[in-house]
């Protein structure tokens, strides 16, 4: 029964992640969803900036702290190891949904592409960023990344396989294709408002902080194998930024 509850918990966490990530596409592009990055009444700019920075900081702290090995070692004293990743995904999704809900618009337009064909092309490029994100997750192990693999194996009594260092396809072009996809999506827009610029700039800065923390952990696990990988493959932009 405990294993079944753990599996259902992981499934709920994954479904909440799916909702948050699909909503994120509409939130940034302004398509379909009721609340977007630029919708809603505009309040005082200073208040909006402070609230938005706090919301993004909450997500960044949760996302980074709960991903660290030291935290995982402490956290799994209270939650089963099989649902540790699902719990991380659940909290990240809740922080993201809170950001969407409480985001304060800054609708002043900083630049805009008026040509319809070029505007549509930028939108397509941005959506391609999301395709890159999803493809990159499946190239490694999408369901392990978001906790479903762990709770499924726990349900059937199968141990998780040993961690291996792999660099399939896109990971031989850049070390972090998932982050590259996010950056493309955040910046490829036909209309750049002050709020969108704040969101894109802060999240991009956080991505590079996250890369530094993540690579430190990867070196701790894989040692010289990862160091050689950093020397061979660029960080974000193909052929640029090798260590």
Protein backbone atom coordinates (compact mmCIF):
# COMPACT_ATOMS: atom_id res chain seq x y z
CA UNK A 1 0.00 0.00 0.00
CA UNK A 2 2.86 2.37 0.81
CA UNK A 3 4.42 1.75 -2.60
CA UNK A 4 1.09 2.39 -4.32
CA UNK A 5 0.63 5.66 -2.41
CA UNK A 6 4.15 6.67 -3.38
CA UNK A 7 3.41 5.93 -7.03
CA UNK A 8 0.17 7.95 -6.95
CA UNK A 9 2.00 10.79 -5.21
CA UNK A 10 4.66 10.78 -7.95
CA UNK A 11 1.96 10.69 -10.62
CA UNK A 12 0.18 13.70 -9.10
CA UNK A 13 3.48 15.59 -8.86
CA UNK A 14 4.21 14.84 -12.52
CA UNK A 15 0.73 15.92 -13.65
CA UNK A 16 1.10 19.18 -11.71
CA UNK A 17 4.46 19.71 -13.39
CA UNK A 18 2.83 19.12 -16.79
CA UNK A 19 0.15 21.71 -16.01
CA UNK A 20 2.75 24.24 -14.85
CA UNK A 21 5.02 23.76 -17.84
CA UNK A 22 2.18 23.98 -20.39
CA UNK A 23 0.85 27.08 -18.65
CA UNK A 24 4.36 28.57 -18.78
CA UNK A 25 4.27 28.45 -22.58
CA UNK A 26 1.07 30.48 -22.67
CA UNK A 27 2.21 32.76 -19.84
CA UNK A 28 5.33 33.92 -21.68
CA UNK A 29 3.92 33.96 -25.22
CA UNK A 30 0.57 35.48 -24.26
CA UNK A 31 -1.31 32.66 -25.97
CA UNK A 32 -4.54 30.99 -24.77
CA UNK A 33 -4.08 31.14 -20.95
CA UNK A 34 -6.11 33.64 -18.87
CA UNK A 35 -3.13 35.20 -17.05
CA UNK A 36 -0.01 36.11 -19.02
CA UNK A 37 3.21 37.96 -18.36
CA UNK A 38 1.65 41.22 -19.59
CA UNK A 39 -2.03 40.84 -18.67
CA UNK A 40 -3.87 42.33 -15.72
CA UNK A 41 -4.07 45.82 -14.25
CA UNK A 42 -0.76 47.65 -14.05
CA UNK A 43 0.09 48.92 -10.59
CA UNK A 44 3.02 50.92 -9.29
CA UNK A 45 6.17 49.85 -11.20
CA UNK A 46 8.34 49.73 -8.07
CA UNK A 47 5.88 47.46 -6.27
CA UNK A 48 5.59 45.24 -9.36
CA UNK A 49 9.37 44.88 -9.66
CA UNK A 50 9.76 44.00 -5.97
CA UNK A 51 6.93 41.43 -6.00
CA UNK A 52 8.18 39.84 -9.22
CA UNK A 53 11.75 39.63 -7.96
CA UNK A 54 10.53 37.98 -4.76
CA UNK A 55 8.49 35.45 -6.73
CA UNK A 56 11.43 34.58 -8.98
CA UNK A 57 13.77 34.42 -5.98
CA UNK A 58 11.44 31.99 -4.21
CA UNK A 59 11.48 29.70 -7.23
CA UNK A 60 15.26 30.02 -7.62
CA UNK A 61 15.98 29.24 -3.96
CA UNK A 62 13.63 26.25 -3.90
CA UNK A 63 14.93 24.98 -7.23
CA UNK A 64 18.59 25.25 -6.28
CA UNK A 65 18.55 24.30 -2.59
CA UNK A 66 16.41 21.17 -2.99
CA UNK A 67 18.64 19.99 -5.86
CA UNK A 68 21.84 20.01 -3.82
CA UNK A 69 23.22 16.66 -2.60
CA UNK A 70 23.60 17.97 0.95
CA UNK A 71 19.92 18.88 1.10
CA UNK A 72 18.88 15.56 -0.44
CA UNK A 73 20.90 13.69 2.18
CA UNK A 74 19.12 15.58 4.96
CA UNK A 75 15.69 15.57 3.28
CA UNK A 76 15.61 11.79 2.77
CA UNK A 77 15.71 11.36 6.54
CA UNK A 78 12.07 12.52 6.48
CA UNK A 79 10.75 11.44 3.06
CA UNK A 80 11.36 8.10 1.30
CA UNK A 81 14.16 8.21 -1.23
CA UNK A 82 11.77 6.89 -3.89
CA UNK A 83 9.65 10.08 -3.73
CA UNK A 84 12.46 12.57 -3.15
CA UNK A 85 12.55 13.63 -6.80
CA UNK A 86 8.76 13.78 -7.03
CA UNK A 87 8.68 16.03 -3.96
CA UNK A 88 11.24 18.31 -5.59
CA UNK A 89 9.14 18.44 -8.77
CA UNK A 90 5.98 19.12 -6.73
CA UNK A 91 7.51 22.06 -4.84
CA UNK A 92 9.04 23.50 -8.03
CA UNK A 93 5.69 23.29 -9.81
CA UNK A 94 3.88 24.98 -6.92
CA UNK A 95 6.47 27.78 -6.84
CA UNK A 96 6.07 28.24 -10.59
CA UNK A 97 2.27 28.34 -10.41
CA UNK A 98 2.48 30.86 -7.57
CA UNK A 99 4.70 33.03 -9.78
CA UNK A 100 2.15 32.91 -12.61
CA UNK A 101 -0.73 33.69 -10.24
CA UNK A 102 0.88 36.60 -8.43
CA UNK A 103 2.98 38.09 -11.24
CA UNK A 104 2.58 41.87 -11.60
CA UNK A 105 2.61 43.13 -15.21
CA UNK A 106 4.95 45.88 -16.39
CA UNK A 107 3.29 46.51 -19.76
CA UNK A 108 5.48 49.32 -21.09
CA UNK A 109 6.67 48.20 -24.54
CA UNK A 110 10.46 48.48 -24.93
CA UNK A 111 10.60 47.18 -28.48
CA UNK A 112 8.19 45.57 -30.91
CA UNK A 113 8.41 43.83 -34.26
CA UNK A 114 5.62 45.17 -36.46
CA UNK A 115 6.29 43.07 -39.55
CA UNK A 116 3.77 40.17 -39.31
CA UNK A 117 6.05 37.61 -40.97
CA UNK A 118 9.02 38.47 -38.76
CA UNK A 119 6.83 38.53 -35.64
CA UNK A 120 5.47 35.08 -36.50
CA UNK A 121 9.01 33.83 -37.15
CA UNK A 122 10.14 35.02 -33.71
CA UNK A 123 7.19 33.26 -32.10
CA UNK A 124 8.13 30.05 -33.92
CA UNK A 125 11.75 30.39 -32.79
CA UNK A 126 10.56 30.83 -29.21
CA UNK A 127 8.36 27.74 -29.40
CA UNK A 128 11.31 25.86 -30.91
CA UNK A 129 13.08 26.61 -27.62
CA UNK A 130 10.41 24.56 -25.84
CA UNK A 131 10.82 21.73 -28.34
CA UNK A 132 14.54 21.78 -27.58
CA UNK A 133 13.79 21.59 -23.84
CA UNK A 134 11.50 18.58 -24.16
CA UNK A 135 13.68 16.71 -26.65
CA UNK A 136 16.69 17.23 -24.37
CA UNK A 137 14.86 15.78 -21.35
CA UNK A 138 13.94 12.64 -23.29
CA UNK A 139 17.50 12.24 -24.58
CA UNK A 140 18.62 11.61 -21.02
CA UNK A 141 15.71 10.20 -18.99
CA UNK A 142 12.63 12.41 -18.89
CA UNK A 143 10.73 10.24 -16.43
CA UNK A 144 13.66 9.93 -14.05
CA UNK A 145 14.26 13.68 -14.25
CA UNK A 146 10.69 14.30 -13.08
CA UNK A 147 10.37 11.48 -10.57
CA UNK A 148 8.12 8.96 -12.33
CA UNK A 149 10.86 6.42 -12.97
CA UNK A 150 11.72 6.29 -9.27
CA UNK A 151 8.16 5.76 -8.00
CA UNK A 152 7.40 3.21 -10.75
CA UNK A 153 10.47 1.14 -9.95
CA UNK A 154 9.63 1.36 -6.26
CA UNK A 155 6.09 0.14 -6.96
CA UNK A 156 7.29 -2.99 -8.77
CA UNK A 157 10.20 -3.59 -6.39
CA UNK A 158 12.88 -2.87 -8.96
CA UNK A 159 16.03 -0.96 -7.92
CA UNK A 160 17.05 2.17 -9.77
CA UNK A 161 19.97 1.62 -12.18
CA UNK A 162 23.37 2.97 -11.24
CA UNK A 163 24.05 6.54 -12.30
CA UNK A 164 25.96 6.71 -15.59
CA UNK A 165 27.49 9.67 -17.37
CA UNK A 166 26.01 9.88 -20.89
CA UNK A 167 26.13 12.56 -23.59
CA UNK A 168 23.55 11.62 -26.26
CA UNK A 169 23.13 13.70 -29.44
CA UNK A 170 22.50 17.35 -28.40
CA UNK A 171 24.71 16.88 -25.33
CA UNK A 172 27.65 16.56 -27.70
CA UNK A 173 26.89 20.04 -29.05
CA UNK A 174 26.28 21.85 -25.76
CA UNK A 175 26.48 20.71 -22.17
CA UNK A 176 23.11 22.20 -21.24
CA UNK A 177 20.65 22.02 -24.15
CA UNK A 178 17.69 22.25 -21.74
CA UNK A 179 18.87 25.63 -20.49
CA UNK A 180 19.61 26.74 -24.05
CA UNK A 181 16.00 25.97 -24.96
CA UNK A 182 14.73 28.05 -22.06
CA UNK A 183 16.91 31.02 -23.02
CA UNK A 184 15.70 30.89 -26.62
CA UNK A 185 12.10 30.78 -25.45
CA UNK A 186 12.46 33.66 -22.99
CA UNK A 187 14.11 36.04 -25.46
CA UNK A 188 12.59 35.21 -28.87
CA UNK A 189 9.50 37.39 -28.72
CA UNK A 190 8.01 39.93 -31.12
CA UNK A 191 6.97 42.22 -28.24
CA UNK A 192 9.36 42.93 -25.38
CA UNK A 193 7.68 44.65 -22.46
CA UNK A 194 9.39 45.80 -19.28
CA UNK A 195 7.87 42.85 -17.42
CA UNK A 196 8.99 40.34 -20.05
CA UNK A 197 12.50 41.82 -20.02
CA UNK A 198 12.65 41.55 -16.22
CA UNK A 199 11.51 37.94 -16.39
CA UNK A 200 13.92 37.01 -19.19
CA UNK A 201 16.92 38.79 -17.66
CA UNK A 202 16.49 37.38 -14.14
CA UNK A 203 15.74 33.83 -15.28
CA UNK A 204 18.72 33.88 -17.66
CA UNK A 205 21.01 35.09 -14.87
CA UNK A 206 19.65 32.34 -12.63
CA UNK A 207 20.29 29.74 -15.34
CA UNK A 208 24.00 30.54 -15.29
CA UNK A 209 24.06 30.37 -11.48
CA UNK A 210 22.27 27.02 -11.72
CA UNK A 211 24.80 25.77 -14.27
CA UNK A 212 27.68 26.62 -11.93
CA UNK A 213 26.03 24.75 -9.03
CA UNK A 214 25.02 21.79 -11.19
CA UNK A 215 28.45 21.38 -12.75
CA UNK A 216 30.10 21.51 -9.34
CA UNK A 217 27.88 18.59 -8.28
CA UNK A 218 28.57 16.70 -11.52
CA UNK A 219 32.32 17.05 -11.04
CA UNK A 220 31.90 15.72 -7.51
CA UNK A 221 30.14 12.63 -8.90
CA UNK A 222 31.98 11.99 -12.18
CA UNK A 223 35.33 13.70 -11.55
CA UNK A 224 37.77 13.83 -14.47
CA UNK A 225 35.22 12.34 -16.86
CA UNK A 226 33.09 15.47 -16.51
CA UNK A 227 36.12 17.76 -16.56
CA UNK A 228 37.14 16.31 -19.93
CA UNK A 229 33.56 16.77 -21.14
CA UNK A 230 33.71 20.46 -20.18
CA UNK A 231 36.92 20.86 -22.14
CA UNK A 232 35.39 19.18 -25.19
CA UNK A 233 31.85 20.59 -25.32
CA UNK A 234 30.57 24.17 -25.06
CA UNK A 235 28.33 25.24 -22.18
CA UNK A 236 25.36 26.89 -23.93
CA UNK A 237 26.40 28.15 -27.38
CA UNK A 238 27.83 25.45 -29.68
CA UNK A 239 31.61 25.77 -30.08
CA UNK A 240 31.83 28.66 -27.56
CA UNK A 241 32.41 28.54 -23.83
CA UNK A 242 34.47 25.39 -23.45
CA UNK A 243 36.19 25.18 -20.07
